């Protein structure tokens, strides 16, 4: 999908890339549970993507207030709610990475994959 330059397009692009990358981590865990350490490292790297979404959301809320995409949500959604949700996502990513690495011999790949799939479903595309 091609986007026009601007704050809304930037936000959408960052959001779609994050969701796609997050979904890929769940698929990797489902396909090969032995890649848990690699997925944990990738989840930690996705924290940067979440901060990009957070920044893009705040810029979009400030610069594109008249845009229909922004106006479709309640006032403050992109300026306050999305950044707060991003903070929660960062906590989840770090928690999942920790669970995958510190397993005490237990298989946690299915639990983390299910949690990731739930978040991806709630975020939607």
N, C-alpha and C. Protein backbone atom coordinates (compact mmCIF):
# COMPACT_ATOMS: atom_id res chain seq x y z
N UNK A 1 0.85 -1.16 0.00
CA UNK A 1 0.00 0.00 0.00
C UNK A 1 0.90 1.23 0.00
N UNK A 2 0.62 2.16 -0.90
CA UNK A 2 1.42 3.38 -0.93
C UNK A 2 0.74 4.45 -0.09
N UNK A 3 1.57 5.21 0.56
CA UNK A 3 1.07 6.26 1.44
C UNK A 3 1.55 7.61 0.96
N UNK A 4 0.72 8.62 1.19
CA UNK A 4 1.17 9.98 0.95
C UNK A 4 1.99 10.40 2.16
N UNK A 5 2.94 11.27 1.96
CA UNK A 5 3.74 11.72 3.10
C UNK A 5 2.86 12.54 4.06
N UNK A 6 3.11 12.37 5.32
CA UNK A 6 2.37 13.12 6.33
C UNK A 6 2.31 12.34 7.62
N UNK A 7 1.84 12.98 8.68
CA UNK A 7 1.83 12.34 9.99
C UNK A 7 0.90 11.13 10.10
N UNK A 8 -0.23 11.16 9.41
CA UNK A 8 -1.15 10.01 9.47
C UNK A 8 -0.52 8.82 8.76
N UNK A 9 0.06 9.05 7.60
CA UNK A 9 0.71 7.97 6.86
C UNK A 9 1.88 7.39 7.63
N UNK A 10 2.64 8.26 8.28
CA UNK A 10 3.77 7.79 9.07
C UNK A 10 3.29 6.89 10.20
N UNK A 11 2.24 7.32 10.88
CA UNK A 11 1.68 6.52 11.97
C UNK A 11 1.20 5.16 11.45
N UNK A 12 0.45 5.17 10.36
CA UNK A 12 -0.07 3.91 9.81
C UNK A 12 1.06 2.97 9.39
N UNK A 13 2.08 3.54 8.77
CA UNK A 13 3.21 2.73 8.31
C UNK A 13 3.93 2.07 9.49
N UNK A 14 4.20 2.86 10.55
CA UNK A 14 4.87 2.31 11.74
C UNK A 14 4.00 1.24 12.40
N UNK A 15 2.72 1.50 12.49
CA UNK A 15 1.79 0.58 13.14
C UNK A 15 1.72 -0.75 12.38
N UNK A 16 1.57 -0.69 11.07
CA UNK A 16 1.48 -1.91 10.27
C UNK A 16 2.78 -2.71 10.31
N UNK A 17 3.90 -2.02 10.28
CA UNK A 17 5.19 -2.73 10.36
C UNK A 17 5.34 -3.43 11.71
N UNK A 18 4.94 -2.75 12.78
CA UNK A 18 5.03 -3.37 14.11
C UNK A 18 4.14 -4.60 14.21
N UNK A 19 2.90 -4.47 13.76
CA UNK A 19 1.97 -5.60 13.86
C UNK A 19 2.46 -6.77 13.03
N UNK A 20 2.98 -6.48 11.85
CA UNK A 20 3.51 -7.54 11.00
C UNK A 20 4.70 -8.23 11.66
N UNK A 21 5.62 -7.46 12.22
CA UNK A 21 6.79 -8.03 12.90
C UNK A 21 6.39 -8.82 14.14
N UNK A 22 5.43 -8.32 14.88
CA UNK A 22 4.97 -9.02 16.08
C UNK A 22 4.31 -10.34 15.71
N UNK A 23 3.50 -10.32 14.67
CA UNK A 23 2.85 -11.54 14.20
C UNK A 23 3.89 -12.56 13.73
N UNK A 24 4.95 -12.09 13.10
CA UNK A 24 6.01 -12.99 12.65
C UNK A 24 6.68 -13.69 13.83
N UNK A 25 6.78 -13.01 14.96
CA UNK A 25 7.38 -13.63 16.14
C UNK A 25 6.50 -14.75 16.68
N UNK A 26 5.18 -14.53 16.67
CA UNK A 26 4.26 -15.59 17.11
C UNK A 26 4.33 -16.79 16.18
N UNK A 27 4.38 -16.53 14.88
CA UNK A 27 4.48 -17.62 13.91
C UNK A 27 5.79 -18.39 14.09
N UNK A 28 6.87 -17.66 14.34
CA UNK A 28 8.16 -18.33 14.55
C UNK A 28 8.10 -19.26 15.76
N UNK A 29 7.48 -18.80 16.84
CA UNK A 29 7.35 -19.65 18.03
C UNK A 29 6.47 -20.85 17.78
N UNK A 30 5.41 -20.67 17.03
CA UNK A 30 4.51 -21.80 16.72
C UNK A 30 5.21 -22.83 15.83
N UNK A 31 6.02 -22.35 14.89
CA UNK A 31 6.67 -23.25 13.94
C UNK A 31 7.91 -23.94 14.50
N UNK A 32 8.63 -23.25 15.39
CA UNK A 32 9.87 -23.82 15.94
C UNK A 32 10.07 -23.33 17.37
N UNK A 33 9.60 -24.08 18.35
CA UNK A 33 9.74 -23.65 19.75
C UNK A 33 11.19 -23.46 20.20
N UNK A 34 12.14 -24.04 19.47
CA UNK A 34 13.54 -23.91 19.86
C UNK A 34 14.11 -22.52 19.56
N UNK A 35 13.36 -21.70 18.85
CA UNK A 35 13.86 -20.37 18.52
C UNK A 35 13.45 -19.34 19.58
N UNK A 36 13.10 -19.79 20.76
CA UNK A 36 12.62 -18.89 21.82
C UNK A 36 13.61 -17.79 22.14
N UNK A 37 14.89 -18.09 22.19
CA UNK A 37 15.88 -17.05 22.52
C UNK A 37 15.99 -16.01 21.42
N UNK A 38 15.89 -16.46 20.17
CA UNK A 38 15.91 -15.51 19.06
C UNK A 38 14.67 -14.61 19.09
N UNK A 39 13.52 -15.21 19.36
CA UNK A 39 12.28 -14.44 19.44
C UNK A 39 12.36 -13.45 20.60
N UNK A 40 12.94 -13.87 21.71
CA UNK A 40 13.09 -12.96 22.86
C UNK A 40 13.92 -11.74 22.47
N UNK A 41 15.00 -11.97 21.73
CA UNK A 41 15.84 -10.86 21.28
C UNK A 41 15.05 -9.96 20.32
N UNK A 42 14.27 -10.56 19.44
CA UNK A 42 13.46 -9.78 18.50
C UNK A 42 12.38 -8.97 19.22
N UNK A 43 11.80 -9.56 20.26
CA UNK A 43 10.79 -8.82 21.03
C UNK A 43 11.40 -7.60 21.70
N UNK A 44 12.61 -7.74 22.20
CA UNK A 44 13.29 -6.59 22.79
C UNK A 44 13.58 -5.51 21.75
N UNK A 45 13.89 -5.94 20.53
CA UNK A 45 14.14 -4.97 19.45
C UNK A 45 12.86 -4.26 19.02
N UNK A 46 11.72 -4.92 19.17
CA UNK A 46 10.45 -4.32 18.80
C UNK A 46 10.06 -3.16 19.72
N UNK A 47 10.71 -3.06 20.86
CA UNK A 47 10.45 -1.94 21.77
C UNK A 47 10.70 -0.62 21.05
N UNK A 48 11.76 -0.58 20.24
CA UNK A 48 12.06 0.63 19.47
C UNK A 48 10.90 0.97 18.52
N UNK A 49 10.31 -0.06 17.90
CA UNK A 49 9.19 0.17 16.99
C UNK A 49 7.98 0.74 17.73
N UNK A 50 7.75 0.27 18.94
CA UNK A 50 6.63 0.78 19.73
C UNK A 50 6.85 2.26 20.06
N UNK A 51 8.08 2.62 20.40
CA UNK A 51 8.36 4.03 20.67
C UNK A 51 8.19 4.87 19.42
N UNK A 52 8.47 4.31 18.24
CA UNK A 52 8.23 5.03 16.99
C UNK A 52 6.74 5.26 16.78
N UNK A 53 5.93 4.25 17.08
CA UNK A 53 4.48 4.40 16.97
C UNK A 53 3.99 5.47 17.94
N UNK A 54 4.51 5.43 19.14
CA UNK A 54 4.11 6.40 20.16
C UNK A 54 4.43 7.82 19.71
N UNK A 55 5.62 8.03 19.21
CA UNK A 55 6.02 9.36 18.74
C UNK A 55 5.18 9.79 17.54
N UNK A 56 4.97 8.87 16.60
CA UNK A 56 4.17 9.20 15.42
C UNK A 56 2.73 9.54 15.81
N UNK A 57 2.21 8.86 16.80
CA UNK A 57 0.85 9.13 17.26
C UNK A 57 0.74 10.53 17.87
N UNK A 58 1.72 10.89 18.65
CA UNK A 58 1.69 12.21 19.28
C UNK A 58 1.86 13.32 18.24
N UNK A 59 2.72 13.10 17.26
CA UNK A 59 2.89 14.08 16.19
C UNK A 59 1.60 14.19 15.39
N UNK A 60 0.99 13.05 15.09
CA UNK A 60 -0.25 13.05 14.32
C UNK A 60 -1.35 13.79 15.08
N UNK A 61 -1.43 13.58 16.37
CA UNK A 61 -2.46 14.26 17.17
C UNK A 61 -2.26 15.76 17.16
N UNK A 62 -1.02 16.20 17.12
CA UNK A 62 -0.74 17.64 17.14
C UNK A 62 -0.86 18.28 15.76
N UNK A 63 -0.42 17.57 14.73
CA UNK A 63 -0.32 18.19 13.41
C UNK A 63 -1.47 17.86 12.46
N UNK A 64 -2.23 16.83 12.74
CA UNK A 64 -3.27 16.41 11.79
C UNK A 64 -4.65 16.38 12.45
N UNK A 65 -4.92 17.34 13.28
CA UNK A 65 -6.20 17.33 14.01
C UNK A 65 -7.42 17.37 13.11
N UNK A 66 -7.30 17.98 11.93
CA UNK A 66 -8.43 18.08 11.02
C UNK A 66 -8.60 16.87 10.12
N UNK A 67 -7.70 15.91 10.20
CA UNK A 67 -7.76 14.72 9.36
C UNK A 67 -8.89 13.82 9.82
N UNK A 68 -9.59 13.22 8.85
CA UNK A 68 -10.73 12.35 9.17
C UNK A 68 -10.29 11.13 9.98
N UNK A 69 -9.08 10.62 9.72
CA UNK A 69 -8.58 9.46 10.47
C UNK A 69 -8.44 9.80 11.94
N UNK A 70 -7.97 10.99 12.23
CA UNK A 70 -7.79 11.42 13.61
C UNK A 70 -9.13 11.76 14.24
N UNK A 71 -10.00 12.39 13.50
CA UNK A 71 -11.30 12.80 14.05
C UNK A 71 -12.25 11.64 14.26
N UNK A 72 -11.96 10.49 13.67
CA UNK A 72 -12.83 9.32 13.84
C UNK A 72 -12.78 8.76 15.26
N UNK A 73 -11.75 9.08 15.99
CA UNK A 73 -11.61 8.61 17.37
C UNK A 73 -11.93 9.75 18.33
N UNK A 74 -12.25 9.43 19.57
CA UNK A 74 -12.54 10.48 20.56
C UNK A 74 -11.34 11.41 20.78
N UNK A 75 -11.64 12.60 21.23
CA UNK A 75 -10.59 13.59 21.50
C UNK A 75 -9.56 13.00 22.47
N UNK A 76 -8.31 13.17 22.15
CA UNK A 76 -7.24 12.70 23.02
C UNK A 76 -6.81 11.27 22.78
N UNK A 77 -7.46 10.57 21.86
CA UNK A 77 -7.13 9.17 21.64
C UNK A 77 -5.68 9.01 21.19
N UNK A 78 -5.29 9.75 20.16
CA UNK A 78 -3.93 9.61 19.62
C UNK A 78 -2.90 10.38 20.43
N UNK A 79 -3.31 11.38 21.17
CA UNK A 79 -2.37 12.15 21.97
C UNK A 79 -2.13 11.57 23.35
N UNK A 80 -3.13 10.83 23.88
CA UNK A 80 -3.01 10.30 25.24
C UNK A 80 -3.19 8.79 25.33
N UNK A 81 -4.26 8.29 24.73
CA UNK A 81 -4.56 6.86 24.86
C UNK A 81 -3.55 5.97 24.14
N UNK A 82 -3.21 6.31 22.90
CA UNK A 82 -2.26 5.48 22.15
C UNK A 82 -0.88 5.47 22.83
N UNK A 83 -0.35 6.62 23.26
CA UNK A 83 0.93 6.56 23.98
C UNK A 83 0.86 5.69 25.23
N UNK A 84 -0.26 5.74 25.95
CA UNK A 84 -0.41 4.89 27.13
C UNK A 84 -0.46 3.42 26.74
N UNK A 85 -1.16 3.10 25.65
CA UNK A 85 -1.20 1.72 25.17
C UNK A 85 0.19 1.27 24.73
N UNK A 86 0.95 2.17 24.15
CA UNK A 86 2.32 1.84 23.73
C UNK A 86 3.19 1.50 24.94
N UNK A 87 3.02 2.24 26.02
CA UNK A 87 3.77 1.92 27.24
C UNK A 87 3.41 0.52 27.74
N UNK A 88 2.13 0.17 27.65
CA UNK A 88 1.70 -1.17 28.04
C UNK A 88 2.29 -2.24 27.12
N UNK A 89 2.35 -1.94 25.82
CA UNK A 89 2.95 -2.87 24.87
C UNK A 89 4.43 -3.11 25.16
N UNK A 90 5.14 -2.05 25.51
CA UNK A 90 6.56 -2.19 25.85
C UNK A 90 6.70 -3.14 27.04
N UNK A 91 5.86 -2.95 28.05
CA UNK A 91 5.92 -3.83 29.22
C UNK A 91 5.64 -5.28 28.83
N UNK A 92 4.66 -5.49 27.95
CA UNK A 92 4.35 -6.85 27.49
C UNK A 92 5.51 -7.46 26.72
N UNK A 93 6.10 -6.69 25.81
CA UNK A 93 7.23 -7.21 25.02
C UNK A 93 8.37 -7.66 25.92
N UNK A 94 8.71 -6.82 26.89
CA UNK A 94 9.81 -7.16 27.79
C UNK A 94 9.46 -8.34 28.68
N UNK A 95 8.21 -8.42 29.10
CA UNK A 95 7.75 -9.54 29.93
C UNK A 95 7.80 -10.85 29.14
N UNK A 96 7.32 -10.81 27.90
CA UNK A 96 7.35 -12.03 27.08
C UNK A 96 8.78 -12.47 26.81
N UNK A 97 9.66 -11.52 26.53
CA UNK A 97 11.07 -11.86 26.29
C UNK A 97 11.67 -12.51 27.53
N UNK A 98 11.34 -11.98 28.69
CA UNK A 98 11.84 -12.54 29.94
C UNK A 98 11.30 -13.95 30.16
N UNK A 99 10.03 -14.15 29.88
CA UNK A 99 9.43 -15.48 30.05
C UNK A 99 10.11 -16.50 29.13
N UNK A 100 10.40 -16.10 27.91
CA UNK A 100 11.01 -17.03 26.96
C UNK A 100 12.43 -17.42 27.34
N UNK A 101 13.16 -16.50 27.97
CA UNK A 101 14.56 -16.76 28.32
C UNK A 101 14.67 -17.45 29.68
N UNK A 102 13.88 -17.04 30.64
CA UNK A 102 13.96 -17.59 32.01
C UNK A 102 12.83 -18.58 32.24
N UNK A 103 12.97 -19.77 31.66
CA UNK A 103 11.88 -20.75 31.69
C UNK A 103 12.01 -21.80 32.78
N UNK A 104 13.18 -21.96 33.37
CA UNK A 104 13.42 -23.01 34.36
C UNK A 104 13.11 -24.39 33.79
N UNK A 105 13.36 -24.56 32.49
CA UNK A 105 13.12 -25.85 31.85
C UNK A 105 11.70 -26.07 31.37
N UNK A 106 10.81 -25.14 31.65
CA UNK A 106 9.43 -25.29 31.21
C UNK A 106 9.27 -24.71 29.81
N UNK A 107 8.34 -25.28 29.05
CA UNK A 107 8.05 -24.76 27.72
C UNK A 107 7.05 -23.62 27.84
N UNK A 108 7.49 -22.45 27.47
CA UNK A 108 6.62 -21.28 27.56
C UNK A 108 6.30 -20.70 26.19
N UNK A 109 6.82 -21.34 25.14
CA UNK A 109 6.64 -20.80 23.80
C UNK A 109 5.16 -20.69 23.41
N UNK A 110 4.37 -21.68 23.74
CA UNK A 110 2.95 -21.65 23.40
C UNK A 110 2.19 -20.55 24.13
N UNK A 111 2.56 -20.34 25.38
CA UNK A 111 1.91 -19.29 26.18
C UNK A 111 2.21 -17.93 25.58
N UNK A 112 3.47 -17.69 25.26
CA UNK A 112 3.87 -16.40 24.71
C UNK A 112 3.27 -16.22 23.31
N UNK A 113 3.30 -17.27 22.49
CA UNK A 113 2.73 -17.16 21.14
C UNK A 113 1.24 -16.83 21.22
N UNK A 114 0.53 -17.46 22.13
CA UNK A 114 -0.89 -17.16 22.31
C UNK A 114 -1.13 -15.73 22.76
N UNK A 115 -0.29 -15.25 23.67
CA UNK A 115 -0.42 -13.87 24.14
C UNK A 115 -0.15 -12.88 23.01
N UNK A 116 0.87 -13.16 22.22
CA UNK A 116 1.20 -12.29 21.08
C UNK A 116 0.05 -12.29 20.07
N UNK A 117 -0.49 -13.45 19.78
CA UNK A 117 -1.60 -13.53 18.83
C UNK A 117 -2.83 -12.78 19.33
N UNK A 118 -3.04 -12.81 20.64
CA UNK A 118 -4.15 -12.05 21.21
C UNK A 118 -3.96 -10.55 21.04
N UNK A 119 -2.74 -10.09 21.26
CA UNK A 119 -2.46 -8.66 21.08
C UNK A 119 -2.59 -8.27 19.61
N UNK A 120 -2.07 -9.10 18.72
CA UNK A 120 -2.16 -8.81 17.28
C UNK A 120 -3.64 -8.74 16.86
N UNK A 121 -4.44 -9.66 17.36
CA UNK A 121 -5.86 -9.65 17.03
C UNK A 121 -6.55 -8.40 17.57
N UNK A 122 -6.17 -7.96 18.75
CA UNK A 122 -6.82 -6.77 19.32
C UNK A 122 -6.38 -5.49 18.61
N UNK A 123 -5.15 -5.49 18.08
CA UNK A 123 -4.66 -4.33 17.36
C UNK A 123 -5.24 -4.28 15.94
N UNK A 124 -5.37 -5.45 15.34
CA UNK A 124 -5.95 -5.54 14.01
C UNK A 124 -5.19 -4.74 12.97
N UNK A 125 -5.52 -4.95 11.73
CA UNK A 125 -4.97 -4.15 10.63
C UNK A 125 -6.12 -3.62 9.87
